[in-house]
């Protein structure tokens, strides 16, 4: 997964400046795209506890998505139709999104609706 400088810093509990230093010294591999650092999450120096916590967060997100989406629709069955505001995942993510925008501003890549994760 590709991360911004701020996302990488938050993930490992460092400041963006410390992440830049890790990039400069070659301890973290990153590329600049459109003037911003893009860091591959697998190159971050995570402790075993940080790896387990990240995996647990991923499992929780997967659980929520499966709960919201439900079983796969088979051929001949009609799909359920939801408004995006009805989705529990959206309801849980909206406050996080708004906090991101207020904290980092509208220029943060994660604040753009077309940003893919």
PDB file of N, CA and C in Angstrom:
ATOM      1  N   UNK A   1       0.839  -1.165   0.000  1.00  0.00           N
ATOM      2  CA  UNK A   1       0.000   0.000   0.000  1.00  0.00           C
ATOM      3  C   UNK A   1       0.891   1.237   0.000  1.00  0.00           C
ATOM      4  N   UNK A   2       0.513   2.209  -0.780  1.00  0.00           N
ATOM      5  CA  UNK A   2       1.278   3.452  -0.875  1.00  0.00           C
ATOM      6  C   UNK A   2       0.751   4.459   0.148  1.00  0.00           C
ATOM      7  N   UNK A   3       1.677   5.133   0.828  1.00  0.00           N
ATOM      8  CA  UNK A   3       1.325   6.071   1.888  1.00  0.00           C
ATOM      9  C   UNK A   3       1.940   7.439   1.615  1.00  0.00           C
ATOM     10  N   UNK A   4       1.275   8.468   2.116  1.00  0.00           N
ATOM     11  CA  UNK A   4       1.859   9.805   2.076  1.00  0.00           C
ATOM     12  C   UNK A   4       2.859   9.914   3.228  1.00  0.00           C
ATOM     13  N   UNK A   5       3.611  10.983   3.235  1.00  0.00           N
ATOM     14  CA  UNK A   5       4.581  11.229   4.302  1.00  0.00           C
ATOM     15  C   UNK A   5       3.877  11.280   5.661  1.00  0.00           C
ATOM     16  N   UNK A   6       2.750  11.985   5.725  1.00  0.00           N
ATOM     17  CA  UNK A   6       2.005  12.114   6.977  1.00  0.00           C
ATOM     18  C   UNK A   6       1.428  10.771   7.433  1.00  0.00           C
ATOM     19  N   UNK A   7       0.916   9.979   6.486  1.00  0.00           N
ATOM     20  CA  UNK A   7       0.357   8.670   6.840  1.00  0.00           C
ATOM     21  C   UNK A   7       1.445   7.750   7.378  1.00  0.00           C
ATOM     22  N   UNK A   8       2.599   7.748   6.723  1.00  0.00           N
ATOM     23  CA  UNK A   8       3.712   6.911   7.176  1.00  0.00           C
ATOM     24  C   UNK A   8       4.164   7.331   8.572  1.00  0.00           C
ATOM     25  N   UNK A   9       4.256   8.629   8.795  1.00  0.00           N
ATOM     26  CA  UNK A   9       4.677   9.127  10.110  1.00  0.00           C
ATOM     27  C   UNK A   9       3.692   8.708  11.194  1.00  0.00           C
ATOM     28  N   UNK A  10       2.404   8.845  10.906  1.00  0.00           N
ATOM     29  CA  UNK A  10       1.381   8.466  11.887  1.00  0.00           C
ATOM     30  C   UNK A  10       1.418   6.969  12.159  1.00  0.00           C
ATOM     31  N   UNK A  11       1.656   6.181  11.134  1.00  0.00           N
ATOM     32  CA  UNK A  11       1.649   4.728  11.279  1.00  0.00           C
ATOM     33  C   UNK A  11       2.754   4.232  12.206  1.00  0.00           C
ATOM     34  N   UNK A  12       3.929   4.828  12.114  1.00  0.00           N
ATOM     35  CA  UNK A  12       5.033   4.336  12.957  1.00  0.00           C
ATOM     36  C   UNK A  12       5.353   5.253  14.135  1.00  0.00           C
ATOM     37  N   UNK A  13       4.521   6.266  14.350  1.00  0.00           N
ATOM     38  CA  UNK A  13       4.713   7.116  15.522  1.00  0.00           C
ATOM     39  C   UNK A  13       5.910   8.041  15.434  1.00  0.00           C
ATOM     40  N   UNK A  14       6.186   8.553  14.252  1.00  0.00           N
ATOM     41  CA  UNK A  14       7.290   9.491  14.045  1.00  0.00           C
ATOM     42  C   UNK A  14       6.733  10.768  13.435  1.00  0.00           C
ATOM     43  N   UNK A  15       7.586  11.776  13.324  1.00  0.00           N
ATOM     44  CA  UNK A  15       7.177  13.019  12.682  1.00  0.00           C
ATOM     45  C   UNK A  15       7.508  12.923  11.188  1.00  0.00           C
ATOM     46  N   UNK A  16       6.852  13.733  10.355  1.00  0.00           N
ATOM     47  CA  UNK A  16       7.211  13.748   8.930  1.00  0.00           C
ATOM     48  C   UNK A  16       8.698  14.054   8.710  1.00  0.00           C
ATOM     49  N   UNK A  17       9.256  14.909   9.551  1.00  0.00           N
ATOM     50  CA  UNK A  17      10.682  15.234   9.432  1.00  0.00           C
ATOM     51  C   UNK A  17      11.541  13.986   9.665  1.00  0.00           C
ATOM     52  N   UNK A  18      11.173  13.168  10.649  1.00  0.00           N
ATOM     53  CA  UNK A  18      11.920  11.940  10.912  1.00  0.00           C
ATOM     54  C   UNK A  18      11.799  10.962   9.732  1.00  0.00           C
ATOM     55  N   UNK A  19      10.633  10.923   9.111  1.00  0.00           N
ATOM     56  CA  UNK A  19      10.442  10.049   7.942  1.00  0.00           C
ATOM     57  C   UNK A  19      11.324  10.535   6.793  1.00  0.00           C
ATOM     58  N   UNK A  20      11.385  11.862   6.579  1.00  0.00           N
ATOM     59  CA  UNK A  20      12.268  12.397   5.534  1.00  0.00           C
ATOM     60  C   UNK A  20      13.722  11.984   5.778  1.00  0.00           C
ATOM     61  N   UNK A  21      14.142  12.002   7.052  1.00  0.00           N
ATOM     62  CA  UNK A  21      15.501  11.595   7.396  1.00  0.00           C
ATOM     63  C   UNK A  21      15.708  10.114   7.065  1.00  0.00           C
ATOM     64  N   UNK A  22      14.716   9.275   7.388  1.00  0.00           N
ATOM     65  CA  UNK A  22      14.821   7.854   7.076  1.00  0.00           C
ATOM     66  C   UNK A  22      14.907   7.627   5.564  1.00  0.00           C
ATOM     67  N   UNK A  23      14.191   8.441   4.803  1.00  0.00           N
ATOM     68  CA  UNK A  23      14.261   8.359   3.339  1.00  0.00           C
ATOM     69  C   UNK A  23      15.656   8.771   2.871  1.00  0.00           C
ATOM     70  N   UNK A  24      16.151   9.885   3.412  1.00  0.00           N
ATOM     71  CA  UNK A  24      17.469  10.414   3.018  1.00  0.00           C
ATOM     72  C   UNK A  24      18.591   9.416   3.303  1.00  0.00           C
ATOM     73  N   UNK A  25      18.486   8.724   4.429  1.00  0.00           N
ATOM     74  CA  UNK A  25      19.533   7.768   4.809  1.00  0.00           C
ATOM     75  C   UNK A  25      19.333   6.389   4.170  1.00  0.00           C
ATOM     76  N   UNK A  26      18.252   6.226   3.418  1.00  0.00           N
ATOM     77  CA  UNK A  26      18.017   4.972   2.712  1.00  0.00           C
ATOM     78  C   UNK A  26      17.366   3.882   3.546  1.00  0.00           C
ATOM     79  N   UNK A  27      16.898   4.206   4.745  1.00  0.00           N
ATOM     80  CA  UNK A  27      16.263   3.207   5.599  1.00  0.00           C
ATOM     81  C   UNK A  27      14.811   2.969   5.202  1.00  0.00           C
ATOM     82  N   UNK A  28      14.239   3.919   4.476  1.00  0.00           N
ATOM     83  CA  UNK A  28      12.870   3.796   3.957  1.00  0.00           C
ATOM     84  C   UNK A  28      12.927   4.157   2.480  1.00  0.00           C
ATOM     85  N   UNK A  29      12.356   3.291   1.651  1.00  0.00           N
ATOM     86  CA  UNK A  29      12.348   3.607   0.221  1.00  0.00           C
ATOM     87  C   UNK A  29      11.086   4.398  -0.116  1.00  0.00           C
ATOM     88  N   UNK A  30      11.272   5.435  -0.922  1.00  0.00           N
ATOM     89  CA  UNK A  30      10.163   6.309  -1.297  1.00  0.00           C
ATOM     90  C   UNK A  30      10.462   6.940  -2.647  1.00  0.00           C
ATOM     91  N   UNK A  31       9.407   7.431  -3.274  1.00  0.00           N
ATOM     92  CA  UNK A  31       9.532   8.130  -4.547  1.00  0.00           C
ATOM     93  C   UNK A  31       8.765   9.431  -4.442  1.00  0.00           C
ATOM     94  N   UNK A  32       9.210  10.403  -5.208  1.00  0.00           N
ATOM     95  CA  UNK A  32       8.457  11.658  -5.273  1.00  0.00           C
ATOM     96  C   UNK A  32       7.575  11.603  -6.509  1.00  0.00           C
ATOM     97  N   UNK A  33       6.292  11.874  -6.309  1.00  0.00           N
ATOM     98  CA  UNK A  33       5.337  11.951  -7.410  1.00  0.00           C
ATOM     99  C   UNK A  33       4.589  13.259  -7.274  1.00  0.00           C
ATOM    100  N   UNK A  34       4.678  14.073  -8.300  1.00  0.00           N
ATOM    101  CA  UNK A  34       4.033  15.385  -8.307  1.00  0.00           C
ATOM    102  C   UNK A  34       4.450  16.208  -7.091  1.00  0.00           C
ATOM    103  N   UNK A  35       5.715  16.111  -6.706  1.00  0.00           N
ATOM    104  CA  UNK A  35       6.251  16.908  -5.612  1.00  0.00           C
ATOM    105  C   UNK A  35       5.959  16.384  -4.222  1.00  0.00           C
ATOM    106  N   UNK A  36       5.348  15.203  -4.112  1.00  0.00           N
ATOM    107  CA  UNK A  36       5.022  14.635  -2.802  1.00  0.00           C
ATOM    108  C   UNK A  36       5.680  13.266  -2.660  1.00  0.00           C
ATOM    109  N   UNK A  37       6.081  12.946  -1.447  1.00  0.00           N
ATOM    110  CA  UNK A  37       6.671  11.643  -1.192  1.00  0.00           C
ATOM    111  C   UNK A  37       5.576  10.583  -1.189  1.00  0.00           C
ATOM    112  N   UNK A  38       5.877   9.464  -1.834  1.00  0.00           N
ATOM    113  CA  UNK A  38       5.002   8.285  -1.822  1.00  0.00           C
ATOM    114  C   UNK A  38       5.849   7.147  -1.266  1.00  0.00           C
ATOM    115  N   UNK A  39       5.378   6.564  -0.181  1.00  0.00           N
ATOM    116  CA  UNK A  39       6.149   5.560   0.549  1.00  0.00           C
ATOM    117  C   UNK A  39       5.397   4.240   0.525  1.00  0.00           C
ATOM    118  N   UNK A  40       6.105   3.182   0.181  1.00  0.00           N
ATOM    119  CA  UNK A  40       5.506   1.851   0.205  1.00  0.00           C
ATOM    120  C   UNK A  40       5.462   1.386   1.663  1.00  0.00           C
ATOM    121  N   UNK A  41       4.288   0.978   2.131  1.00  0.00           N
ATOM    122  CA  UNK A  41       4.126   0.628   3.547  1.00  0.00           C
ATOM    123  C   UNK A  41       5.036  -0.521   3.973  1.00  0.00           C
ATOM    124  N   UNK A  42       5.370  -1.410   3.035  1.00  0.00           N
ATOM    125  CA  UNK A  42       6.222  -2.549   3.393  1.00  0.00           C
ATOM    126  C   UNK A  42       7.661  -2.134   3.693  1.00  0.00           C
ATOM    127  N   UNK A  43       8.054  -0.911   3.297  1.00  0.00           N
ATOM    128  CA  UNK A  43       9.430  -0.476   3.558  1.00  0.00           C
ATOM    129  C   UNK A  43       9.574   0.219   4.914  1.00  0.00           C
ATOM    130  N   UNK A  44       8.482   0.410   5.632  1.00  0.00           N
ATOM    131  CA  UNK A  44       8.554   1.094   6.927  1.00  0.00           C
ATOM    132  C   UNK A  44       9.117   0.175   8.006  1.00  0.00           C
ATOM    133  N   UNK A  45       9.948   0.714   8.893  1.00  0.00           N
ATOM    134  CA  UNK A  45      10.512  -0.093   9.978  1.00  0.00           C
ATOM    135  C   UNK A  45       9.519  -0.242  11.130  1.00  0.00           C
ATOM    136  N   UNK A  46       8.595  -1.197  10.986  1.00  0.00           N
ATOM    137  CA  UNK A  46       7.570  -1.418  12.016  1.00  0.00           C
ATOM    138  C   UNK A  46       8.050  -2.459  13.020  1.00  0.00           C
ATOM    139  N   UNK A  47       7.719  -2.233  14.288  1.00  0.00           N
ATOM    140  CA  UNK A  47       8.001  -3.239  15.302  1.00  0.00           C
ATOM    141  C   UNK A  47       6.950  -4.342  15.176  1.00  0.00           C
ATOM    142  N   UNK A  48       7.163  -5.444  15.833  1.00  0.00           N
ATOM    143  CA  UNK A  48       6.196  -6.545  15.784  1.00  0.00           C
ATOM    144  C   UNK A  48       4.834  -6.101  16.327  1.00  0.00           C
ATOM    145  N   UNK A  49       4.832  -5.295  17.385  1.00  0.00           N
ATOM    146  CA  UNK A  49       3.582  -4.784  17.945  1.00  0.00           C
ATOM    147  C   UNK A  49       2.844  -3.887  16.964  1.00  0.00           C
ATOM    148  N   UNK A  50       3.583  -3.033  16.254  1.00  0.00           N
ATOM    149  CA  UNK A  50       2.964  -2.156  15.260  1.00  0.00           C
ATOM    150  C   UNK A  50       2.387  -2.974  14.103  1.00  0.00           C
ATOM    151  N   UNK A  51       3.088  -4.023  13.687  1.00  0.00           N
ATOM    152  CA  UNK A  51       2.581  -4.889  12.619  1.00  0.00           C
ATOM    153  C   UNK A  51       1.288  -5.585  13.041  1.00  0.00           C
ATOM    154  N   UNK A  52       1.260  -6.076  14.284  1.00  0.00           N
ATOM    155  CA  UNK A  52       0.052  -6.753  14.785  1.00  0.00           C
ATOM    156  C   UNK A  52      -1.116  -5.772  14.880  1.00  0.00           C
ATOM    157  N   UNK A  53      -0.842  -4.545  15.353  1.00  0.00           N
ATOM    158  CA  UNK A  53      -1.898  -3.537  15.470  1.00  0.00           C
ATOM    159  C   UNK A  53      -2.449  -3.166  14.094  1.00  0.00           C
ATOM    160  N   UNK A  54      -1.568  -3.016  13.109  1.00  0.00           N
ATOM    161  CA  UNK A  54      -2.013  -2.695  11.746  1.00  0.00           C
ATOM    162  C   UNK A  54      -2.850  -3.831  11.177  1.00  0.00           C
ATOM    163  N   UNK A  55      -2.426  -5.073  11.420  1.00  0.00           N
ATOM    164  CA  UNK A  55      -3.184  -6.226  10.939  1.00  0.00           C
ATOM    165  C   UNK A  55      -4.554  -6.285  11.608  1.00  0.00           C
ATOM    166  N   UNK A  56      -4.606  -5.966  12.899  1.00  0.00           N
ATOM    167  CA  UNK A  56      -5.886  -5.969  13.614  1.00  0.00           C
ATOM    168  C   UNK A  56      -6.822  -4.899  13.065  1.00  0.00           C
ATOM    169  N   UNK A  57      -6.265  -3.708  12.749  1.00  0.00           N
ATOM    170  CA  UNK A  57      -7.096  -2.654  12.153  1.00  0.00           C
ATOM    171  C   UNK A  57      -7.623  -3.101  10.792  1.00  0.00           C
ATOM    172  N   UNK A  58      -6.771  -3.755  10.006  1.00  0.00           N
ATOM    173  CA  UNK A  58      -7.195  -4.261   8.703  1.00  0.00           C
ATOM    174  C   UNK A  58      -8.287  -5.299   8.835  1.00  0.00           C
ATOM    175  N   UNK A  59      -8.151  -6.188   9.824  1.00  0.00           N
ATOM    176  CA  UNK A  59      -9.184  -7.200  10.062  1.00  0.00           C
ATOM    177  C   UNK A  59     -10.506  -6.557  10.458  1.00  0.00           C
ATOM    178  N   UNK A  60     -10.440  -5.503  11.285  1.00  0.00           N
ATOM    179  CA  UNK A  60     -11.658  -4.809  11.719  1.00  0.00           C
ATOM    180  C   UNK A  60     -12.347  -4.139  10.539  1.00  0.00           C
ATOM    181  N   UNK A  61     -11.572  -3.491   9.672  1.00  0.00           N
ATOM    182  CA  UNK A  61     -12.142  -2.850   8.488  1.00  0.00           C
ATOM    183  C   UNK A  61     -12.789  -3.900   7.588  1.00  0.00           C
ATOM    184  N   UNK A  62     -12.100  -5.018   7.374  1.00  0.00           N
ATOM    185  CA  UNK A  62     -12.628  -6.101   6.542  1.00  0.00           C
ATOM    186  C   UNK A  62     -13.943  -6.627   7.125  1.00  0.00           C
ATOM    187  N   UNK A  63     -13.978  -6.783   8.447  1.00  0.00           N
ATOM    188  CA  UNK A  63     -15.183  -7.260   9.126  1.00  0.00           C
ATOM    189  C   UNK A  63     -16.358  -6.299   8.913  1.00  0.00           C
ATOM    190  N   UNK A  64     -16.090  -4.999   9.035  1.00  0.00           N
ATOM    191  CA  UNK A  64     -17.138  -3.995   8.840  1.00  0.00           C
ATOM    192  C   UNK A  64     -17.640  -4.017   7.407  1.00  0.00           C
ATOM    193  N   UNK A  65     -16.713  -4.090   6.458  1.00  0.00           N
ATOM    194  CA  UNK A  65     -17.111  -4.102   5.048  1.00  0.00           C
ATOM    195  C   UNK A  65     -17.948  -5.340   4.740  1.00  0.00           C
ATOM    196  N   UNK A  66     -17.530  -6.501   5.226  1.00  0.00           N
ATOM    197  CA  UNK A  66     -18.294  -7.719   4.983  1.00  0.00           C
ATOM    198  C   UNK A  66     -19.667  -7.652   5.636  1.00  0.00           C
ATOM    199  N   UNK A  67     -19.742  -7.037   6.811  1.00  0.00           N
ATOM    200  CA  UNK A  67     -21.023  -6.886   7.501  1.00  0.00           C
ATOM    201  C   UNK A  67     -21.964  -5.995   6.701  1.00  0.00           C
ATOM    202  N   UNK A  68     -21.420  -4.921   6.145  1.00  0.00           N
ATOM    203  CA  UNK A  68     -22.233  -3.975   5.390  1.00  0.00           C
ATOM    204  C   UNK A  68     -22.637  -4.545   4.043  1.00  0.00           C
ATOM    205  N   UNK A  69     -21.695  -5.131   3.338  1.00  0.00           N
ATOM    206  CA  UNK A  69     -21.975  -5.629   1.994  1.00  0.00           C
ATOM    207  C   UNK A  69     -22.776  -6.917   2.043  1.00  0.00           C
ATOM    208  N   UNK A  70     -22.490  -7.761   3.006  1.00  0.00           N
ATOM    209  CA  UNK A  70     -23.199  -9.028   3.111  1.00  0.00           C
ATOM    210  C   UNK A  70     -22.660 -10.040   2.123  1.00  0.00           C
ATOM    211  N   UNK A  71     -23.373 -11.155   1.979  1.00  0.00           N
ATOM    212  CA  UNK A  71     -22.899 -12.193   1.060  1.00  0.00           C
ATOM    213  C   UNK A  71     -22.943 -11.716  -0.386  1.00  0.00           C
ATOM    214  N   UNK A  72     -22.098 -12.322  -1.204  1.00  0.00           N
ATOM    215  CA  UNK A  72     -22.049 -11.978  -2.621  1.00  0.00           C
ATOM    216  C   UNK A  72     -23.376 -12.330  -3.290  1.00  0.00           C
ATOM    217  N   UNK A  73     -23.837 -11.463  -4.172  1.00  0.00           N
ATOM    218  CA  UNK A  73     -25.081 -11.703  -4.894  1.00  0.00           C
ATOM    219  C   UNK A  73     -24.808 -12.716  -5.994  1.00  0.00           C
ATOM    220  N   UNK A  74     -25.632 -13.783  -6.044  1.00  0.00           N
ATOM    221  CA  UNK A  74     -25.458 -14.826  -7.052  1.00  0.00           C
ATOM    222  C   UNK A  74     -26.304 -14.505  -8.272  1.00  0.00           C
ATOM    223  N   UNK A  75     -26.011 -15.146  -9.386  1.00  0.00           N
ATOM    224  CA  UNK A  75     -26.746 -14.922 -10.632  1.00  0.00           C
ATOM    225  C   UNK A  75     -28.236 -15.172 -10.410  1.00  0.00           C
ATOM    226  N   UNK A  76     -29.045 -14.288 -10.938  1.00  0.00           N
ATOM    227  CA  UNK A  76     -30.495 -14.427 -10.815  1.00  0.00           C
ATOM    228  C   UNK A  76     -31.082 -13.769  -9.578  1.00  0.00           C
ATOM    229  N   UNK A  77     -30.236 -13.374  -8.623  1.00  0.00           N
ATOM    230  CA  UNK A  77     -30.719 -12.699  -7.420  1.00  0.00           C
ATOM    231  C   UNK A  77     -30.617 -11.198  -7.612  1.00  0.00           C
ATOM    232  N   UNK A  78     -31.505 -10.479  -6.963  1.00  0.00           N
ATOM    233  CA  UNK A  78     -31.412  -9.026  -7.058  1.00  0.00           C
ATOM    234  C   UNK A  78     -30.531  -8.500  -5.932  1.00  0.00           C
ATOM    235  N   UNK A  79     -29.762  -7.473  -6.240  1.00  0.00           N
ATOM    236  CA  UNK A  79     -28.867  -6.865  -5.257  1.00  0.00           C
ATOM    237  C   UNK A  79     -29.657  -5.888  -4.399  1.00  0.00           C
ATOM    238  N   UNK A  80     -29.206  -5.723  -3.155  1.00  0.00           N
ATOM    239  CA  UNK A  80     -29.819  -4.734  -2.283  1.00  0.00           C
ATOM    240  C   UNK A  80     -29.356  -3.361  -2.733  1.00  0.00           C
ATOM    241  N   UNK A  81     -30.215  -2.375  -2.608  1.00  0.00           N
ATOM    242  CA  UNK A  81     -29.854  -1.009  -2.966  1.00  0.00           C
ATOM    243  C   UNK A  81     -29.822  -0.169  -1.703  1.00  0.00           C
ATOM    244  N   UNK A  82     -28.705   0.527  -1.513  1.00  0.00           N
ATOM    245  CA  UNK A  82     -28.519   1.359  -0.345  1.00  0.00           C
ATOM    246  C   UNK A  82     -28.165   2.771  -0.776  1.00  0.00           C
ATOM    247  N   UNK A  83     -28.549   3.706   0.050  1.00  0.00           N
ATOM    248  CA  UNK A  83     -28.022   5.053  -0.090  1.00  0.00           C
ATOM    249  C   UNK A  83     -26.661   5.029   0.596  1.00  0.00           C
ATOM    250  N   UNK A  84     -25.707   5.800   0.107  1.00  0.00           N
ATOM    251  CA  UNK A  84     -24.372   5.786   0.697  1.00  0.00           C
ATOM    252  C   UNK A  84     -24.424   6.201   2.172  1.00  0.00           C
ATOM    253  N   UNK A  85     -25.350   7.043   2.556  1.00  0.00           N
ATOM    254  CA  UNK A  85     -25.459   7.450   3.966  1.00  0.00           C
ATOM    255  C   UNK A  85     -25.984   6.322   4.852  1.00  0.00           C
ATOM    256  N   UNK A  86     -26.584   5.290   4.256  1.00  0.00           N
ATOM    257  CA  UNK A  86     -27.076   4.158   5.026  1.00  0.00           C
ATOM    258  C   UNK A  86     -25.968   3.174   5.385  1.00  0.00           C
ATOM    259  N   UNK A  87     -24.877   3.260   4.695  1.00  0.00           N
ATOM    260  CA  UNK A  87     -23.813   2.295   4.913  1.00  0.00           C
ATOM    261  C   UNK A  87     -23.061   2.582   6.211  1.00  0.00           C
ATOM    262  N   UNK A  88     -22.947   1.590   7.013  1.00  0.00           N
ATOM    263  CA  UNK A  88     -22.271   1.745   8.304  1.00  0.00           C
ATOM    264  C   UNK A  88     -20.812   2.143   8.113  1.00  0.00           C
ATOM    265  N   UNK A  89     -20.169   1.579   7.110  1.00  0.00           N
ATOM    266  CA  UNK A  89     -18.755   1.914   6.876  1.00  0.00           C
ATOM    267  C   UNK A  89     -18.604   3.401   6.569  1.00  0.00           C
ATOM    268  N   UNK A  90     -19.510   3.936   5.775  1.00  0.00           N
ATOM    269  CA  UNK A  90     -19.461   5.365   5.458  1.00  0.00           C
ATOM    270  C   UNK A  90     -19.688   6.183   6.723  1.00  0.00           C
ATOM    271  N   UNK A  91     -20.657   5.778   7.520  1.00  0.00           N
ATOM    272  CA  UNK A  91     -20.963   6.514   8.739  1.00  0.00           C
ATOM    273  C   UNK A  91     -19.778   6.516   9.703  1.00  0.00           C
ATOM    274  N   UNK A  92     -19.031   5.430   9.740  1.00  0.00           N
ATOM    275  CA  UNK A  92     -17.864   5.370  10.617  1.00  0.00           C
ATOM    276  C   UNK A  92     -16.691   6.154  10.044  1.00  0.00           C
ATOM    277  N   UNK A  93     -16.570   6.174   8.721  1.00  0.00           N
ATOM    278  CA  UNK A  93     -15.433   6.837   8.082  1.00  0.00           C
ATOM    279  C   UNK A  93     -15.606   8.344   7.949  1.00  0.00           C
ATOM    280  N   UNK A  94     -16.847   8.817   7.882  1.00  0.00           N
ATOM    281  CA  UNK A  94     -17.084  10.242   7.659  1.00  0.00           C
ATOM    282  C   UNK A  94     -16.423  11.137   8.706  1.00  0.00           C
ATOM    283  N   UNK A  95     -16.549  10.849  10.016  1.00  0.00           N
ATOM    284  CA  UNK A  95     -15.878  11.714  11.005  1.00  0.00           C
ATOM    285  C   UNK A  95     -14.352  11.705  10.852  1.00  0.00           C
ATOM    286  N   UNK A  96     -13.787  10.575  10.471  1.00  0.00           N
ATOM    287  CA  UNK A  96     -12.339  10.495  10.268  1.00  0.00           C
ATOM    288  C   UNK A  96     -11.939  11.367   9.089  1.00  0.00           C
ATOM    289  N   UNK A  97     -12.721  11.293   8.013  1.00  0.00           N
ATOM    290  CA  UNK A  97     -12.471  12.112   6.825  1.00  0.00           C
ATOM    291  C   UNK A  97     -12.529  13.596   7.181  1.00  0.00           C
ATOM    292  N   UNK A  98     -13.561  13.994   7.902  1.00  0.00           N
ATOM    293  CA  UNK A  98     -13.711  15.407   8.266  1.00  0.00           C
ATOM    294  C   UNK A  98     -12.551  15.878   9.157  1.00  0.00           C
ATOM    295  N   UNK A  99     -12.095  15.012  10.052  1.00  0.00           N
ATOM    296  CA  UNK A  99     -10.950  15.361  10.910  1.00  0.00           C
ATOM    297  C   UNK A  99      -9.686  15.542  10.064  1.00  0.00           C
ATOM    298  N   UNK A 100      -9.494  14.649   9.084  1.00  0.00           N
ATOM    299  CA  UNK A 100      -8.350  14.757   8.176  1.00  0.00           C
ATOM    300  C   UNK A 100      -8.352  16.097   7.461  1.00  0.00           C
ATOM    301  N   UNK A 101      -9.502  16.467   6.919  1.00  0.00           N
ATOM    302  CA  UNK A 101      -9.604  17.719   6.178  1.00  0.00           C
ATOM    303  C   UNK A 101      -9.340  18.905   7.091  1.00  0.00           C
ATOM    304  N   UNK A 102      -9.897  18.877   8.310  1.00  0.00           N
ATOM    305  CA  UNK A 102      -9.700  20.013   9.211  1.00  0.00           C
ATOM    306  C   UNK A 102      -8.266  20.085   9.724  1.00  0.00           C
ATOM    307  N   UNK A 103      -7.622  18.924   9.895  1.00  0.00           N
ATOM    308  CA  UNK A 103      -6.267  18.904  10.437  1.00  0.00           C
ATOM    309  C   UNK A 103      -5.208  19.212   9.372  1.00  0.00           C
ATOM    310  N   UNK A 104      -5.342  18.599   8.178  1.00  0.00           N
ATOM    311  CA  UNK A 104      -4.314  18.732   7.152  1.00  0.00           C
ATOM    312  C   UNK A 104      -4.724  19.629   5.993  1.00  0.00           C
ATOM    313  N   UNK A 105      -5.987  20.016   5.920  1.00  0.00           N
ATOM    314  CA  UNK A 105      -6.437  20.902   4.862  1.00  0.00           C
ATOM    315  C   UNK A 105      -6.893  20.147   3.628  1.00  0.00           C
ATOM    316  N   UNK A 106      -7.519  20.857   2.724  1.00  0.00           N
ATOM    317  CA  UNK A 106      -8.073  20.214   1.534  1.00  0.00           C
ATOM    318  C   UNK A 106      -7.013  19.733   0.549  1.00  0.00           C
ATOM    319  N   UNK A 107      -5.755  20.136   0.725  1.00  0.00           N
ATOM    320  CA  UNK A 107      -4.699  19.707  -0.195  1.00  0.00           C
ATOM    321  C   UNK A 107      -4.158  18.311   0.142  1.00  0.00           C
ATOM    322  N   UNK A 108      -4.502  17.774   1.306  1.00  0.00           N
ATOM    323  CA  UNK A 108      -4.073  16.426   1.690  1.00  0.00           C
ATOM    324  C   UNK A 108      -4.650  15.435   0.681  1.00  0.00           C
ATOM    325  N   UNK A 109      -3.820  14.533   0.117  1.00  0.00           N
ATOM    326  CA  UNK A 109      -4.325  13.589  -0.888  1.00  0.00           C
ATOM    327  C   UNK A 109      -5.518  12.761  -0.413  1.00  0.00           C
ATOM    328  N   UNK A 110      -5.553  12.398   0.862  1.00  0.00           N
ATOM    329  CA  UNK A 110      -6.663  11.588   1.366  1.00  0.00           C
ATOM    330  C   UNK A 110      -7.960  12.383   1.432  1.00  0.00           C
ATOM    331  N   UNK A 111      -7.898  13.703   1.317  1.00  0.00           N
ATOM    332  CA  UNK A 111      -9.092  14.532   1.392  1.00  0.00           C
ATOM    333  C   UNK A 111      -9.803  14.649   0.050  1.00  0.00           C
ATOM    334  N   UNK A 112      -9.173  14.143  -0.999  1.00  0.00           N
ATOM    335  CA  UNK A 112      -9.787  14.233  -2.321  1.00  0.00           C
ATOM    336  C   UNK A 112     -10.717  13.054  -2.555  1.00  0.00           C
ATOM    337  N   UNK A 113     -11.936  13.291  -3.042  1.00  0.00           N
ATOM    338  CA  UNK A 113     -12.881  12.198  -3.264  1.00  0.00           C
ATOM    339  C   UNK A 113     -12.373  11.154  -4.253  1.00  0.00           C
ATOM    340  N   UNK A 114     -11.517  11.547  -5.190  1.00  0.00           N
ATOM    341  CA  UNK A 114     -11.038  10.601  -6.193  1.00  0.00           C
ATOM    342  C   UNK A 114      -9.775   9.869  -5.757  1.00  0.00           C
ATOM    343  N   UNK A 115      -9.329  10.060  -4.490  1.00  0.00           N
ATOM    344  CA  UNK A 115      -8.131   9.417  -3.969  1.00  0.00           C
ATOM    345  C   UNK A 115      -8.413   7.937  -3.762  1.00  0.00           C
ATOM    346  N   UNK A 116      -7.617   7.082  -4.374  1.00  0.00           N
ATOM    347  CA  UNK A 116      -7.815   5.644  -4.185  1.00  0.00           C
ATOM    348  C   UNK A 116      -6.860   5.145  -3.127  1.00  0.00           C
ATOM    349  N   UNK A 117      -7.329   4.243  -2.325  1.00  0.00           N
ATOM    350  CA  UNK A 117      -6.562   3.707  -1.206  1.00  0.00           C
ATOM    351  C   UNK A 117      -5.931   2.411  -1.583  1.00  0.00           C
TER     352      UNK A 117
END
